[in-house]
């Protein structure tokens, strides 16, 4: 019958059923039985086994989680709750895990849009293939990974791994990666910054297909995030106008009135160290157009952009407005 295969020169009959989840590579369930030697309905038994495996493999629940994931989750809960605070205590707890961390540790957080129906157990299995001998667990509806190296590495090339980016895209996930640290007593703070990096990066990214974010790329926006929140809390004011350079506010007014983008041109011009070719590429404009806009900016502002302190202040002000508009989703009122 369909779905059965008689093994030649034996009395064995095989029944198979294909399992797949979304666009993942298919899995199979195979039952073997003696030909005519049982009254069992092999196809019903196979369907029951396949349904059970499908629920277990792709379930979002954490029943019977493996010892490594459970150990890290319990250790991390102790860190978050303040039961483990010193580097020595944390080092001792992490050393008891199946895959102890090495000298330099990064916190990576994988979160998902619409968190319902996420097959956490299955994703842990796939992520372990990408990051072997690495501690990971599910914590607060996200996947926590402790990436570590013996030596300091300033940047990991994770965003170039098609297995990782493909998995994140398939399950609508986003991964944020912290800087490395030797200070284990800072892991709690680093974890919170990494979780916040996911939120900031999703709002501020220029490439909508980007799913792997590095804290270092968004660290200034984390500073702005903390600064604006503290300002709002202390002053009871939701408008960070007074934290910005008035020249950037002036350009914002001009752009609103004349339907222009001089503020963005200024931002990319300064970020690219006033290189016209790189600025043109960043704003997708012809170099001559950028030259005209830069000249207009200089004419409007009448500022000496040779001053490095001024350039830093202008960049920070542009970043603050981008944060206000994209993260807080507020219309700037210049």
Protein backbone atom coordinates (compact mmCIF):
# COMPACT_ATOMS: atom_id res chain seq x y z
CA UNK A 1 0.00 0.00 0.00
CA UNK A 2 0.95 3.64 -0.32
CA UNK A 3 3.59 4.58 2.24
CA UNK A 4 4.84 1.00 2.67
CA UNK A 5 8.00 -0.58 1.38
CA UNK A 6 8.81 -4.29 1.53
CA UNK A 7 12.51 -4.87 2.10
CA UNK A 8 13.68 -7.38 -0.55
CA UNK A 9 14.57 -10.88 0.67
CA UNK A 10 13.20 -10.19 4.15
CA UNK A 11 9.89 -10.30 5.98
CA UNK A 12 10.26 -6.64 6.96
CA UNK A 13 7.84 -3.92 5.90
CA UNK A 14 8.74 -0.25 6.36
CA UNK A 15 6.21 2.55 6.80
CA UNK A 16 7.35 6.13 6.50
CA UNK A 17 5.97 9.58 7.03
CA UNK A 18 7.51 12.93 6.21
CA UNK A 19 7.73 15.73 8.78
CA UNK A 20 8.57 19.33 7.96
CA UNK A 21 8.16 22.70 9.62
CA UNK A 22 7.75 25.77 7.43
CA UNK A 23 10.61 25.73 4.93
CA UNK A 24 12.91 23.58 7.05
CA UNK A 25 14.55 20.48 5.65
CA UNK A 26 12.10 17.56 6.05
CA UNK A 27 12.44 14.93 8.73
CA UNK A 28 11.15 11.39 8.59
CA UNK A 29 9.54 8.86 10.90
CA UNK A 30 10.08 5.23 9.99
CA UNK A 31 8.39 2.14 11.46
CA UNK A 32 9.49 -1.41 10.72
CA UNK A 33 7.25 -4.44 11.19
CA UNK A 34 7.15 -8.05 10.18
CA UNK A 35 5.12 -8.64 7.04
CA UNK A 36 1.71 -9.88 8.11
CA UNK A 37 3.00 -10.45 11.64
CA UNK A 38 0.86 -7.92 13.49
CA UNK A 39 -2.73 -6.82 13.72
CA UNK A 40 -1.68 -3.25 14.42
CA UNK A 41 -2.74 -0.53 12.02
CA UNK A 42 0.77 0.61 11.14
CA UNK A 43 -0.44 3.73 9.40
CA UNK A 44 -2.49 4.83 12.43
CA UNK A 45 0.47 4.10 14.71
CA UNK A 46 2.77 6.02 12.38
CA UNK A 47 0.41 9.00 12.28
CA UNK A 48 0.24 9.02 16.10
CA UNK A 49 4.03 8.85 16.44
CA UNK A 50 4.53 11.59 13.85
CA UNK A 51 2.02 13.89 15.56
CA UNK A 52 3.70 13.32 18.93
CA UNK A 53 7.18 14.02 17.56
CA UNK A 54 5.95 17.09 15.74
CA UNK A 55 4.49 18.49 18.96
CA UNK A 56 7.63 17.70 20.92
CA UNK A 57 10.15 18.87 18.34
CA UNK A 58 8.48 22.10 17.34
CA UNK A 59 6.77 22.91 20.62
CA UNK A 60 7.43 26.21 22.31
CA UNK A 61 7.22 24.53 25.71
CA UNK A 62 10.26 23.64 27.74
CA UNK A 63 9.18 20.38 29.33
CA UNK A 64 12.09 18.03 29.78
CA UNK A 65 14.58 20.67 28.68
CA UNK A 66 18.13 19.39 28.57
CA UNK A 67 20.41 19.80 31.56
CA UNK A 68 22.62 22.41 29.85
CA UNK A 69 19.73 24.76 29.03
CA UNK A 70 18.16 24.27 32.45
CA UNK A 71 21.45 24.93 34.24
CA UNK A 72 22.07 28.20 32.40
CA UNK A 73 18.47 29.34 32.84
CA UNK A 74 18.63 28.79 36.61
CA UNK A 75 22.05 30.45 36.82
CA UNK A 76 20.86 33.41 34.77
CA UNK A 77 17.76 33.80 36.91
CA UNK A 78 20.04 34.03 39.95
CA UNK A 79 22.07 36.74 38.20
CA UNK A 80 18.97 38.71 37.26
CA UNK A 81 17.51 38.43 40.76
CA UNK A 82 20.75 39.55 42.40
CA UNK A 83 21.51 36.25 44.13
CA UNK A 84 24.76 36.06 42.15
CA UNK A 85 26.57 39.40 42.00
CA UNK A 86 30.33 39.09 42.23
CA UNK A 87 32.53 37.88 39.39
CA UNK A 88 33.76 35.02 41.57
CA UNK A 89 30.25 33.77 42.35
CA UNK A 90 29.16 34.01 38.74
CA UNK A 91 32.35 32.35 37.49
CA UNK A 92 31.83 29.44 39.88
CA UNK A 93 28.19 29.01 38.79
CA UNK A 94 29.02 29.18 35.08
CA UNK A 95 31.92 26.75 35.50
CA UNK A 96 29.45 24.05 36.52
CA UNK A 97 27.62 24.24 33.19
CA UNK A 98 28.08 21.68 30.46
CA UNK A 99 29.98 24.20 28.33
CA UNK A 100 31.76 26.66 30.68
CA UNK A 101 32.44 30.11 29.29
CA UNK A 102 35.92 31.24 28.35
CA UNK A 103 37.80 34.44 29.15
CA UNK A 104 35.83 36.97 27.07
CA UNK A 105 32.04 36.69 27.16
CA UNK A 106 29.38 38.20 24.92
CA UNK A 107 25.66 38.12 25.60
CA UNK A 108 23.50 37.39 22.57
CA UNK A 109 19.71 37.66 22.70
CA UNK A 110 17.43 36.23 20.01
CA UNK A 111 13.91 37.62 20.21
CA UNK A 112 10.92 37.01 17.98
CA UNK A 113 8.18 39.16 16.59
CA UNK A 114 4.81 37.93 17.74
CA UNK A 115 6.26 35.47 20.30
CA UNK A 116 3.39 32.95 20.10
CA UNK A 117 4.08 29.61 18.47
CA UNK A 118 7.86 29.94 18.52
CA UNK A 119 9.43 26.41 18.53
CA UNK A 120 12.07 27.22 21.13
CA UNK A 121 13.32 23.68 21.63
CA UNK A 122 13.80 23.16 17.92
CA UNK A 123 15.53 26.53 17.54
CA UNK A 124 17.93 25.66 20.36
CA UNK A 125 18.84 22.51 18.46
CA UNK A 126 19.51 24.45 15.28
CA UNK A 127 21.44 27.21 17.06
CA UNK A 128 23.66 24.62 18.72
CA UNK A 129 24.64 23.45 15.25
CA UNK A 130 25.73 27.02 14.45
CA UNK A 131 27.32 27.67 17.87
CA UNK A 132 28.70 24.33 19.10
CA UNK A 133 30.02 24.01 22.66
CA UNK A 134 28.15 27.18 23.62
CA UNK A 135 25.81 27.80 26.58
CA UNK A 136 22.27 28.77 25.57
CA UNK A 137 18.78 28.62 26.99
CA UNK A 138 15.32 30.17 26.74
CA UNK A 139 14.88 33.09 29.12
CA UNK A 140 11.89 35.45 29.24
CA UNK A 141 10.55 34.35 25.85
CA UNK A 142 13.88 34.97 24.12
CA UNK A 143 16.89 32.76 23.50
CA UNK A 144 19.94 33.67 25.55
CA UNK A 145 23.36 32.68 24.22
CA UNK A 146 26.70 33.19 25.96
CA UNK A 147 29.32 33.51 23.24
CA UNK A 148 32.88 33.36 24.53
CA UNK A 149 36.44 33.31 23.25
CA UNK A 150 39.87 32.84 24.81
CA UNK A 151 41.11 36.08 23.29
CA UNK A 152 39.50 39.47 22.79
CA UNK A 153 37.74 39.78 19.43
CA UNK A 154 36.25 43.17 18.69
CA UNK A 155 33.73 42.01 16.10
CA UNK A 156 32.23 38.65 15.21
CA UNK A 157 31.18 38.01 11.62
CA UNK A 158 27.85 36.49 12.63
CA UNK A 159 25.83 38.52 10.14
CA UNK A 160 27.66 36.73 7.31
CA UNK A 161 26.56 33.24 8.33
CA UNK A 162 23.68 32.24 6.01
CA UNK A 163 22.56 29.51 8.41
CA UNK A 164 21.95 32.05 11.15
CA UNK A 165 20.41 34.76 9.00
CA UNK A 166 18.21 32.18 7.24
CA UNK A 167 16.96 30.77 10.54
CA UNK A 168 16.17 34.23 11.90
CA UNK A 169 14.31 35.19 8.74
CA UNK A 170 12.30 31.98 8.72
CA UNK A 171 11.06 32.44 12.28
CA UNK A 172 10.89 36.25 12.25
CA UNK A 173 13.68 36.52 14.78
CA UNK A 174 16.26 39.18 15.57
CA UNK A 175 19.61 38.72 17.26
CA UNK A 176 21.51 41.37 19.21
CA UNK A 177 25.10 40.77 20.32
CA UNK A 178 26.87 42.67 23.08
CA UNK A 179 30.49 43.68 23.30
CA UNK A 180 32.82 41.19 24.95
CA UNK A 181 33.76 41.51 28.61
CA UNK A 182 35.96 39.83 31.18
CA UNK A 183 33.90 41.25 34.04
CA UNK A 184 31.24 38.68 34.80
CA UNK A 185 29.67 40.98 37.39
CA UNK A 186 28.59 43.22 34.50
CA UNK A 187 26.57 40.50 32.72
CA UNK A 188 23.25 41.66 34.19
CA UNK A 189 23.68 45.19 32.85
CA UNK A 190 25.00 43.91 29.52
CA UNK A 191 21.96 41.65 29.16
CA UNK A 192 19.55 44.56 29.61
CA UNK A 193 21.50 46.70 27.12
CA UNK A 194 21.49 43.86 24.61
CA UNK A 195 17.73 43.41 24.87
CA UNK A 196 17.29 47.15 24.36
CA UNK A 197 19.63 47.04 21.35
CA UNK A 198 17.13 44.78 19.55
CA UNK A 199 14.38 47.38 19.97
CA UNK A 200 16.58 50.31 18.93
CA UNK A 201 18.14 48.52 15.96
CA UNK A 202 14.81 47.42 14.52
CA UNK A 203 13.65 51.04 14.53
CA UNK A 204 16.91 52.61 13.32
CA UNK A 205 18.33 50.07 10.84
CA UNK A 206 18.76 51.31 7.30
CA UNK A 207 18.56 47.83 5.77
CA UNK A 208 15.11 46.28 6.41
CA UNK A 209 16.50 42.79 5.82
CA UNK A 210 19.07 43.11 8.63
CA UNK A 211 18.42 40.71 11.51
CA UNK A 212 21.76 40.50 13.33
CA UNK A 213 22.61 43.62 15.32
CA UNK A 214 25.76 44.49 17.22
CA UNK A 215 25.47 46.67 20.29
CA UNK A 216 28.55 48.63 19.26
CA UNK A 217 26.77 49.83 16.10
CA UNK A 218 23.93 51.23 18.22
CA UNK A 219 25.79 52.12 21.42
CA UNK A 220 25.35 55.87 20.90
CA UNK A 221 21.61 55.37 20.54
CA UNK A 222 21.64 53.39 23.79
CA UNK A 223 23.29 56.41 25.42
CA UNK A 224 20.64 58.68 23.89
CA UNK A 225 17.91 56.28 25.01
CA UNK A 226 19.09 56.45 28.61
CA UNK A 227 19.66 60.21 28.40
CA UNK A 228 16.21 61.02 27.00
CA UNK A 229 14.42 58.73 29.45
CA UNK A 230 16.24 60.30 32.37
CA UNK A 231 15.51 63.79 31.02
CA UNK A 232 11.82 63.01 30.67
CA UNK A 233 11.72 61.53 34.15
CA UNK A 234 13.60 64.37 35.80
CA UNK A 235 12.06 67.30 33.95
CA UNK A 236 8.60 65.92 33.19
CA UNK A 237 9.17 67.00 29.58
CA UNK A 238 8.78 64.74 26.56
CA UNK A 239 10.50 67.13 24.14
CA UNK A 240 14.33 66.82 24.01
CA UNK A 241 14.58 70.08 22.04
CA UNK A 242 16.93 71.67 24.55
CA UNK A 243 19.40 68.80 24.35
CA UNK A 244 20.14 69.48 20.67
CA UNK A 245 22.32 71.93 18.84
CA UNK A 246 20.17 74.81 17.50
CA UNK A 247 21.74 74.47 14.04
CA UNK A 248 20.23 70.99 13.64
CA UNK A 249 16.87 72.33 14.77
CA UNK A 250 17.19 75.13 12.22
CA UNK A 251 17.86 72.60 9.43
CA UNK A 252 14.87 70.54 10.51
CA UNK A 253 12.65 73.62 10.24
CA UNK A 254 14.09 74.40 6.81
CA UNK A 255 13.50 70.84 5.57
CA UNK A 256 9.90 70.87 6.75
CA UNK A 257 9.23 74.17 5.00
CA UNK A 258 11.06 73.39 1.76
CA UNK A 259 10.51 69.62 1.56
CA UNK A 260 14.25 69.00 1.63
CA UNK A 261 16.66 66.60 3.36
CA UNK A 262 19.53 68.85 4.41
CA UNK A 263 19.59 67.42 7.92
CA UNK A 264 20.17 63.89 6.64
CA UNK A 265 22.82 65.13 4.23
CA UNK A 266 24.60 66.92 7.07
CA UNK A 267 24.46 63.80 9.24
CA UNK A 268 25.96 61.50 6.59
CA UNK A 269 28.44 64.16 5.51
CA UNK A 270 29.81 64.39 9.03
CA UNK A 271 29.61 60.64 9.69
CA UNK A 272 31.69 60.06 6.56
CA UNK A 273 34.33 62.56 7.64
CA UNK A 274 33.09 65.07 5.03
CA UNK A 275 33.96 62.76 2.14
CA UNK A 276 31.64 63.73 -0.72
CA UNK A 277 31.85 60.41 -2.56
CA UNK A 278 30.95 58.38 0.53
CA UNK A 279 28.22 60.85 1.45
CA UNK A 280 26.68 60.58 -2.02
CA UNK A 281 26.63 56.78 -1.71
CA UNK A 282 25.07 56.96 1.76
CA UNK A 283 22.21 59.24 0.67
CA UNK A 284 21.84 57.72 -2.85
CA UNK A 285 22.51 61.01 -4.63
CA UNK A 286 24.84 62.21 -7.32
CA UNK A 287 28.02 63.80 -6.02
CA UNK A 288 27.16 67.15 -7.62
CA UNK A 289 23.79 67.16 -5.88
CA UNK A 290 25.51 66.52 -2.56
CA UNK A 291 27.96 69.37 -3.22
CA UNK A 292 25.04 71.76 -3.82
CA UNK A 293 23.29 70.63 -0.65
CA UNK A 294 26.43 70.90 1.46
CA UNK A 295 26.99 74.43 0.16
CA UNK A 296 23.39 75.27 1.06
CA UNK A 297 23.93 73.86 4.56
CA UNK A 298 27.06 75.94 5.04
CA UNK A 299 25.26 79.02 3.81
CA UNK A 300 22.33 78.46 6.18
CA UNK A 301 24.35 77.59 9.28
CA UNK A 302 27.45 79.71 8.87
CA UNK A 303 29.41 77.37 11.13
CA UNK A 304 33.04 76.29 11.01
CA UNK A 305 32.91 72.54 10.37
CA UNK A 306 36.67 72.38 10.84
CA UNK A 307 35.96 72.40 14.57
CA UNK A 308 35.94 68.72 15.68
CA UNK A 309 33.96 69.46 18.85
CA UNK A 310 31.24 71.14 16.81
CA UNK A 311 31.11 68.20 14.40
CA UNK A 312 30.68 65.80 17.30
CA UNK A 313 27.89 67.92 18.75
CA UNK A 314 26.07 68.12 15.41
CA UNK A 315 26.30 64.35 14.88
CA UNK A 316 24.93 63.70 18.36
CA UNK A 317 22.06 66.11 17.75
CA UNK A 318 21.18 64.43 14.44
CA UNK A 319 21.21 61.03 16.16
CA UNK A 320 18.96 62.34 18.91
CA UNK A 321 16.36 63.53 16.39
CA UNK A 322 16.53 60.19 14.56
CA UNK A 323 15.94 58.44 17.88
CA UNK A 324 13.02 60.72 18.71
CA UNK A 325 11.33 60.17 15.35
CA UNK A 326 12.06 56.48 14.76
CA UNK A 327 12.20 54.93 18.22
CA UNK A 328 9.73 57.10 20.13
CA UNK A 329 7.76 57.59 16.88
CA UNK A 330 7.10 61.18 17.77
CA UNK A 331 6.88 64.01 15.30
CA UNK A 332 9.66 66.43 16.01
CA UNK A 333 8.29 69.90 16.76
CA UNK A 334 11.07 72.37 15.89
